C-alpha atoms as a PDB file:
ATOM      1  CA  MET A   1      12.124  95.661  18.940  1.00  0.00           C
ATOM      2  CA  GLN A   2      14.709  92.864  18.746  1.00  0.00           C
ATOM      3  CA  PRO A   3      12.492  90.288  20.518  1.00  0.00           C
ATOM      4  CA  LEU A   4       9.638  91.104  18.137  1.00  0.00           C
ATOM      5  CA  PHE A   5      11.802  90.549  15.055  1.00  0.00           C
ATOM      6  CA  ASP A   6      13.230  87.380  16.661  1.00  0.00           C
ATOM      7  CA  ARG A   7       9.677  86.111  17.059  1.00  0.00           C
ATOM      8  CA  LEU A   8       8.940  86.747  13.367  1.00  0.00           C
ATOM      9  CA  ARG A   9      12.224  85.102  12.311  1.00  0.00           C
ATOM     10  CA  ASN A  10      11.396  82.027  14.423  1.00  0.00           C
ATOM     11  CA  GLN A  11       7.898  81.821  12.932  1.00  0.00           C
ATOM     12  CA  LEU A  12       9.218  82.037   9.383  1.00  0.00           C
ATOM     13  CA  PHE A  13      12.491  80.100   9.497  1.00  0.00           C
ATOM     14  CA  GLY A  14      12.103  77.933  12.605  1.00  0.00           C
ATOM     15  CA  TYR A  15      14.408  77.562  15.576  1.00  0.00           C
ATOM     16  CA  THR A  16      16.028  75.039  17.893  1.00  0.00           C
ATOM     17  CA  ASP A  17      14.912  75.309  21.519  1.00  0.00           C
ATOM     18  CA  ALA A  18      17.086  74.879  24.641  1.00  0.00           C
ATOM     19  CA  ASN A  19      16.389  71.121  24.649  1.00  0.00           C
ATOM     20  CA  GLY A  20      17.721  70.749  21.105  1.00  0.00           C
ATOM     21  CA  VAL A  21      14.281  70.225  19.566  1.00  0.00           C
ATOM     22  CA  VAL A  22      14.023  71.703  16.079  1.00  0.00           C
ATOM     23  CA  HIS A  23      10.824  73.648  15.384  1.00  0.00           C
ATOM     24  CA  LYS A  24      10.172  74.083  11.662  1.00  0.00           C
ATOM     25  CA  GLY A  25       9.208  77.523  10.385  1.00  0.00           C
ATOM     26  CA  SER A  26       6.386  78.283   7.980  1.00  0.00           C
ATOM     27  CA  PHE A  27       8.727  79.319   5.111  1.00  0.00           C
ATOM     28  CA  ASP A  28      10.519  76.605   3.143  1.00  0.00           C
ATOM     29  CA  ALA A  29      13.013  78.125   0.695  1.00  0.00           C
ATOM     30  CA  SER A  30      13.181  74.938  -1.375  1.00  0.00           C
ATOM     31  CA  HIS A  31       9.393  75.056  -1.925  1.00  0.00           C
ATOM     32  CA  PRO A  32       8.360  78.687  -1.334  1.00  0.00           C
ATOM     33  CA  ASP A  33       4.876  78.243  -2.794  1.00  0.00           C
ATOM     34  CA  SER A  34       4.078  75.108  -0.796  1.00  0.00           C
ATOM     35  CA  ASN A  35       3.047  76.950   2.371  1.00  0.00           C
ATOM     36  CA  LYS A  36       2.627  80.460   0.981  1.00  0.00           C
ATOM     37  CA  GLU A  37      -0.644  81.194   2.772  1.00  0.00           C
ATOM     38  CA  GLN A  38       0.839  80.396   6.199  1.00  0.00           C
ATOM     39  CA  TRP A  39       4.071  82.383   5.881  1.00  0.00           C
ATOM     40  CA  THR A  40       2.314  85.378   4.321  1.00  0.00           C
ATOM     41  CA  SER A  41      -0.156  85.209   7.195  1.00  0.00           C
ATOM     42  CA  ASP A  42       2.752  85.172   9.673  1.00  0.00           C
ATOM     43  CA  ILE A  43       4.243  88.282   8.041  1.00  0.00           C
ATOM     44  CA  SER A  44       0.859  90.041   8.008  1.00  0.00           C
ATOM     45  CA  GLU A  45       0.308  89.100  11.642  1.00  0.00           C
ATOM     46  CA  ALA A  46       3.619  90.739  12.550  1.00  0.00           C
ATOM     47  CA  LEU A  47       3.624  93.805  10.305  1.00  0.00           C
ATOM     48  CA  GLY A  48      -0.091  94.432   9.754  1.00  0.00           C
ATOM     49  CA  LYS A  49      -2.126  97.251  11.334  1.00  0.00           C
ATOM     50  CA  ASP A  50      -2.722  95.179  14.483  1.00  0.00           C
ATOM     51  CA  GLY A  51       0.549  93.227  14.249  1.00  0.00           C
ATOM     52  CA  TYR A  52       2.947  92.913  17.149  1.00  0.00           C
ATOM     53  CA  ILE A  53       5.835  94.608  15.304  1.00  0.00           C
ATOM     54  CA  TYR A  54       3.533  97.431  14.176  1.00  0.00           C
ATOM     55  CA  ASN A  55       2.367  97.863  17.787  1.00  0.00           C
ATOM     56  CA  GLY A  56       5.991  97.807  18.953  1.00  0.00           C
ATOM     57  CA  MET A  57       6.819 100.572  16.493  1.00  0.00           C
ATOM     58  CA  GLU A  58       3.876 102.603  17.766  1.00  0.00           C
ATOM     59  CA  ALA A  59       5.107 102.080  21.329  1.00  0.00           C
ATOM     60  CA  SER A  60       8.563 103.250  20.195  1.00  0.00           C
ATOM     61  CA  LYS A  61       7.000 106.415  18.783  1.00  0.00           C
ATOM     62  CA  VAL A  62       5.280 107.052  22.119  1.00  0.00           C
ATOM     63  CA  LEU A  63       8.582 106.465  23.932  1.00  0.00           C
ATOM     64  CA  PHE A  64      10.369 108.851  21.571  1.00  0.00           C
ATOM     65  CA  ASP A  65       7.694 111.512  22.141  1.00  0.00           C
ATOM     66  CA  GLN A  66       8.154 111.115  25.922  1.00  0.00           C
ATOM     67  CA  MET A  67      11.942 111.390  25.534  1.00  0.00           C
ATOM     68  CA  GLU A  68      11.450 114.523  23.419  1.00  0.00           C
ATOM     69  CA  SER A  69       9.223 116.119  26.060  1.00  0.00           C
ATOM     70  CA  ILE A  70      11.887 115.427  28.719  1.00  0.00           C
ATOM     71  CA  ALA A  71      14.551 116.925  26.453  1.00  0.00           C
ATOM     72  CA  GLU A  72      12.375 119.999  25.844  1.00  0.00           C
ATOM     73  CA  LYS A  73      12.081 120.592  29.616  1.00  0.00           C
ATOM     74  CA  SER A  74      15.832 121.116  29.675  1.00  0.00           C
ATOM     75  CA  ASN A  75      15.674 123.352  26.568  1.00  0.00           C
ATOM     76  CA  ASN A  76      17.020 120.602  24.266  1.00  0.00           C
ATOM     77  CA  THR A  77      15.517 118.684  21.396  1.00  0.00           C
ATOM     78  CA  LEU A  78      16.018 115.292  19.797  1.00  0.00           C
ATOM     79  CA  LEU A  79      14.505 116.511  16.529  1.00  0.00           C
ATOM     80  CA  ASN A  80      16.127 118.415  13.716  1.00  0.00           C
ATOM     81  CA  ASN A  81      14.694 121.928  13.948  1.00  0.00           C
ATOM     82  CA  GLY A  82      15.253 122.748  10.299  1.00  0.00           C
ATOM     83  CA  SER A  83      18.942 123.487  10.533  1.00  0.00           C
ATOM     84  CA  SER A  84      21.044 121.830   7.877  1.00  0.00           C
ATOM     85  CA  SER A  85      23.727 120.936  10.378  1.00  0.00           C
ATOM     86  CA  THR A  86      23.412 117.564  12.080  1.00  0.00           C
ATOM     87  CA  SER A  87      25.456 118.733  15.026  1.00  0.00           C
ATOM     88  CA  SER A  88      23.061 121.597  15.688  1.00  0.00           C
ATOM     89  CA  SER A  89      20.113 119.210  15.782  1.00  0.00           C
ATOM     90  CA  ILE A  90      21.603 117.280  18.703  1.00  0.00           C
ATOM     91  CA  LYS A  91      23.130 120.233  20.521  1.00  0.00           C
ATOM     92  CA  GLY A  92      22.923 119.904  24.272  1.00  0.00           C
ATOM     93  CA  ILE A  93      22.411 116.142  24.326  1.00  0.00           C
ATOM     94  CA  THR A  94      23.913 114.421  27.337  1.00  0.00           C
ATOM     95  CA  GLU A  95      26.595 111.795  27.010  1.00  0.00           C
ATOM     96  CA  GLN A  96      24.315 109.207  28.598  1.00  0.00           C
ATOM     97  CA  THR A  97      21.527 109.928  26.087  1.00  0.00           C
ATOM     98  CA  ALA A  98      24.020 109.812  23.224  1.00  0.00           C
ATOM     99  CA  ASP A  99      25.267 106.414  24.438  1.00  0.00           C
ATOM    100  CA  ILE A 100      21.717 105.080  24.600  1.00  0.00           C
ATOM    101  CA  LEU A 101      20.944 106.338  21.101  1.00  0.00           C
ATOM    102  CA  ALA A 102      24.205 104.896  19.798  1.00  0.00           C
ATOM    103  CA  SER A 103      23.389 101.503  21.306  1.00  0.00           C
ATOM    104  CA  TYR A 104      19.923 101.569  19.703  1.00  0.00           C
ATOM    105  CA  LEU A 105      21.441 102.420  16.333  1.00  0.00           C
ATOM    106  CA  ASN A 106      24.025  99.650  16.692  1.00  0.00           C
ATOM    107  CA  ALA A 107      21.258  97.156  17.546  1.00  0.00           C
ATOM    108  CA  ILE A 108      19.261  98.229  14.486  1.00  0.00           C
ATOM    109  CA  ARG A 109      22.362  97.996  12.292  1.00  0.00           C
ATOM    110  CA  ALA A 110      23.088  94.483  13.598  1.00  0.00           C
ATOM    111  CA  ASP A 111      19.479  93.426  12.984  1.00  0.00           C
ATOM    112  CA  VAL A 112      19.551  94.734   9.440  1.00  0.00           C
ATOM    113  CA  SER A 113      22.872  92.987   8.821  1.00  0.00           C
ATOM    114  CA  VAL A 114      21.495  89.631  10.020  1.00  0.00           C
ATOM    115  CA  ILE A 115      18.290  90.047   8.030  1.00  0.00           C
ATOM    116  CA  ARG A 116      20.278  90.952   4.903  1.00  0.00           C
ATOM    117  CA  GLN A 117      22.448  87.846   5.339  1.00  0.00           C
ATOM    118  CA  LEU A 118      19.391  85.645   5.833  1.00  0.00           C
ATOM    119  CA  GLN A 119      17.679  87.084   2.782  1.00  0.00           C
ATOM    120  CA  GLY A 120      20.826  86.847   0.644  1.00  0.00           C
ATOM    121  CA  GLY A 121      21.487  83.258   1.674  1.00  0.00           C
ATOM    122  CA  LYS A 122      17.899  82.181   1.100  1.00  0.00           C
ATOM    123  CA  ALA A 123      17.724  83.983  -2.239  1.00  0.00           C
ATOM    124  CA  THR A 124      20.942  82.332  -3.455  1.00  0.00           C
ATOM    125  CA  GLU A 125      19.791  78.927  -2.239  1.00  0.00           C
ATOM    126  CA  TYR A 126      16.385  79.440  -3.859  1.00  0.00           C
ATOM    127  CA  MET A 127      17.924  80.448  -7.200  1.00  0.00           C
ATOM    128  CA  ASP A 128      20.317  77.475  -7.113  1.00  0.00           C
ATOM    129  CA  ASN A 129      17.389  75.128  -6.470  1.00  0.00           C
ATOM    130  CA  MET A 130      15.364  76.730  -9.253  1.00  0.00           C
ATOM    131  CA  SER A 131      18.308  76.282 -11.657  1.00  0.00           C
ATOM    132  CA  LEU A 132      18.627  72.598 -10.747  1.00  0.00           C
ATOM    133  CA  MET A 133      14.889  72.082 -11.164  1.00  0.00           C
ATOM    134  CA  ALA A 134      14.955  73.767 -14.582  1.00  0.00           C
ATOM    135  CA  GLN A 135      17.884  71.605 -15.708  1.00  0.00           C
ATOM    136  CA  SER A 136      16.146  68.407 -14.608  1.00  0.00           C
ATOM    137  CA  GLN A 137      12.918  69.486 -16.333  1.00  0.00           C
ATOM    138  CA  VAL A 138      14.789  70.055 -19.608  1.00  0.00           C
ATOM    139  CA  GLN A 139      16.432  66.634 -19.258  1.00  0.00           C
ATOM    140  CA  TYR A 140      13.089  64.895 -18.666  1.00  0.00           C
ATOM    141  CA  GLN A 141      11.447  66.776 -21.535  1.00  0.00           C
ATOM    142  CA  SER A 142      14.249  65.604 -23.853  1.00  0.00           C
ATOM    143  CA  GLN A 143      13.671  62.011 -22.734  1.00  0.00           C
ATOM    144  CA  ILE A 144       9.926  62.367 -23.302  1.00  0.00           C
ATOM    145  CA  ALA A 145      10.511  63.784 -26.798  1.00  0.00           C
ATOM    146  CA  ALA A 146      12.845  60.883 -27.706  1.00  0.00           C
ATOM    147  CA  ASN A 147      10.342  58.305 -26.394  1.00  0.00           C
ATOM    148  CA  THR A 148       7.485  59.971 -28.286  1.00  0.00           C
ATOM    149  CA  LEU A 149       9.497  59.917 -31.539  1.00  0.00           C
ATOM    150  CA  ARG A 150      10.320  56.201 -31.105  1.00  0.00           C
ATOM    151  CA  ASN A 151       6.662  55.396 -30.402  1.00  0.00           C
ATOM    152  CA  ALA A 152       5.509  57.357 -33.456  1.00  0.00           C
ATOM    153  CA  GLU A 153       8.002  55.555 -35.716  1.00  0.00           C
ATOM    154  CA  ALA A 154       6.962  52.185 -34.268  1.00  0.00           C
ATOM    155  CA  ALA A 155       3.288  53.010 -34.812  1.00  0.00           C
ATOM    156  CA  GLU A 156       3.997  53.868 -38.468  1.00  0.00           C
ATOM    157  CA  LYS A 157       5.842  50.554 -38.953  1.00  0.00           C
ATOM    158  CA  ILE A 158       2.980  48.640 -37.324  1.00  0.00           C
ATOM    159  CA  GLY A 159       0.489  50.426 -39.584  1.00  0.00           C
ATOM    160  CA  THR A 160       2.531  49.590 -42.699  1.00  0.00           C
ATOM    161  CA  SER A 161       2.852  45.925 -41.613  1.00  0.00           C
ATOM    162  CA  CYS A 162      -0.876  45.676 -40.960  1.00  0.00           C
ATOM    163  CA  ASP A 163      -1.616  47.132 -44.422  1.00  0.00           C
ATOM    164  CA  GLU A 164       0.699  44.552 -46.053  1.00  0.00           C
ATOM    165  CA  ILE A 165      -0.868  41.654 -44.145  1.00  0.00           C
ATOM    166  CA  LEU A 166      -4.379  42.880 -44.976  1.00  0.00           C
ATOM    167  CA  TYR A 167      -3.415  43.125 -48.676  1.00  0.00           C
ATOM    168  CA  LEU A 168      -2.091  39.554 -48.632  1.00  0.00           C
ATOM    169  CA  PHE A 169      -5.215  38.197 -46.905  1.00  0.00           C
ATOM    170  CA  ARG A 170      -7.471  39.892 -49.475  1.00  0.00           C
ATOM    171  CA  ALA A 171      -5.364  38.612 -52.330  1.00  0.00           C
ATOM    172  CA  VAL A 172      -5.482  35.035 -51.016  1.00  0.00           C
ATOM    173  CA  THR A 173      -9.218  35.092 -50.334  1.00  0.00           C
ATOM    174  CA  ASN A 174      -9.912  36.486 -53.845  1.00  0.00           C
ATOM    175  CA  ASP A 175      -7.712  33.741 -55.371  1.00  0.00           C
ATOM    176  CA  THR A 176      -5.521  36.322 -57.025  1.00  0.00           C
ATOM    177  CA  LYS A 177      -2.392  35.381 -55.187  1.00  0.00           C
ATOM    178  CA  MET A 178      -0.880  32.401 -53.397  1.00  0.00           C
ATOM    179  CA  VAL A 179       1.139  32.715 -50.257  1.00  0.00           C
ATOM    180  CA  SER A 180       3.407  30.023 -48.988  1.00  0.00           C
ATOM    181  CA  THR A 181       4.899  29.754 -45.549  1.00  0.00           C
ATOM    182  CA  LYS A 182       7.699  27.678 -44.207  1.00  0.00           C
ATOM    183  CA  VAL A 183       7.327  25.927 -40.894  1.00  0.00           C
ATOM    184  CA  ARG A 184      10.505  25.153 -39.055  1.00  0.00           C
END
């Protein structure tokens, strides 16, 4: 199962090959929505009904059934037969079989640990980036609001000035007022 999960991890997060060439994955934590269709497709391809991890799990079930039939031939079982005691459910297991099962469990535990670390790190990084983006958006919105206020005040002043000039022109053309100007 480990190679199958490695393949999915490489597809999602990328990898560096033996020659040092970096291959980018389909998931970008800084822009998770930018390539959403591709990385969701990669996950579906792996875990879906015909996915390679799903098929690997089915093959594991077949392997477990074969191991159970071998154990039954020697009057043992790998399954819990309804007893509440865990020790009774593995009674008669050989040391070699116990070692194999222990190694499988350790491999699964290590995989889960790595996946948890990857998810935790990406989630923290994603939240930090989202916080920075929100702060910068608030800053830009404040600047836009200040600029809009200045433009509105300037437009009001221009309107008032135009009204005064129009009043003076009408007064001069109707001979009701005289306006003098100084030329320097």
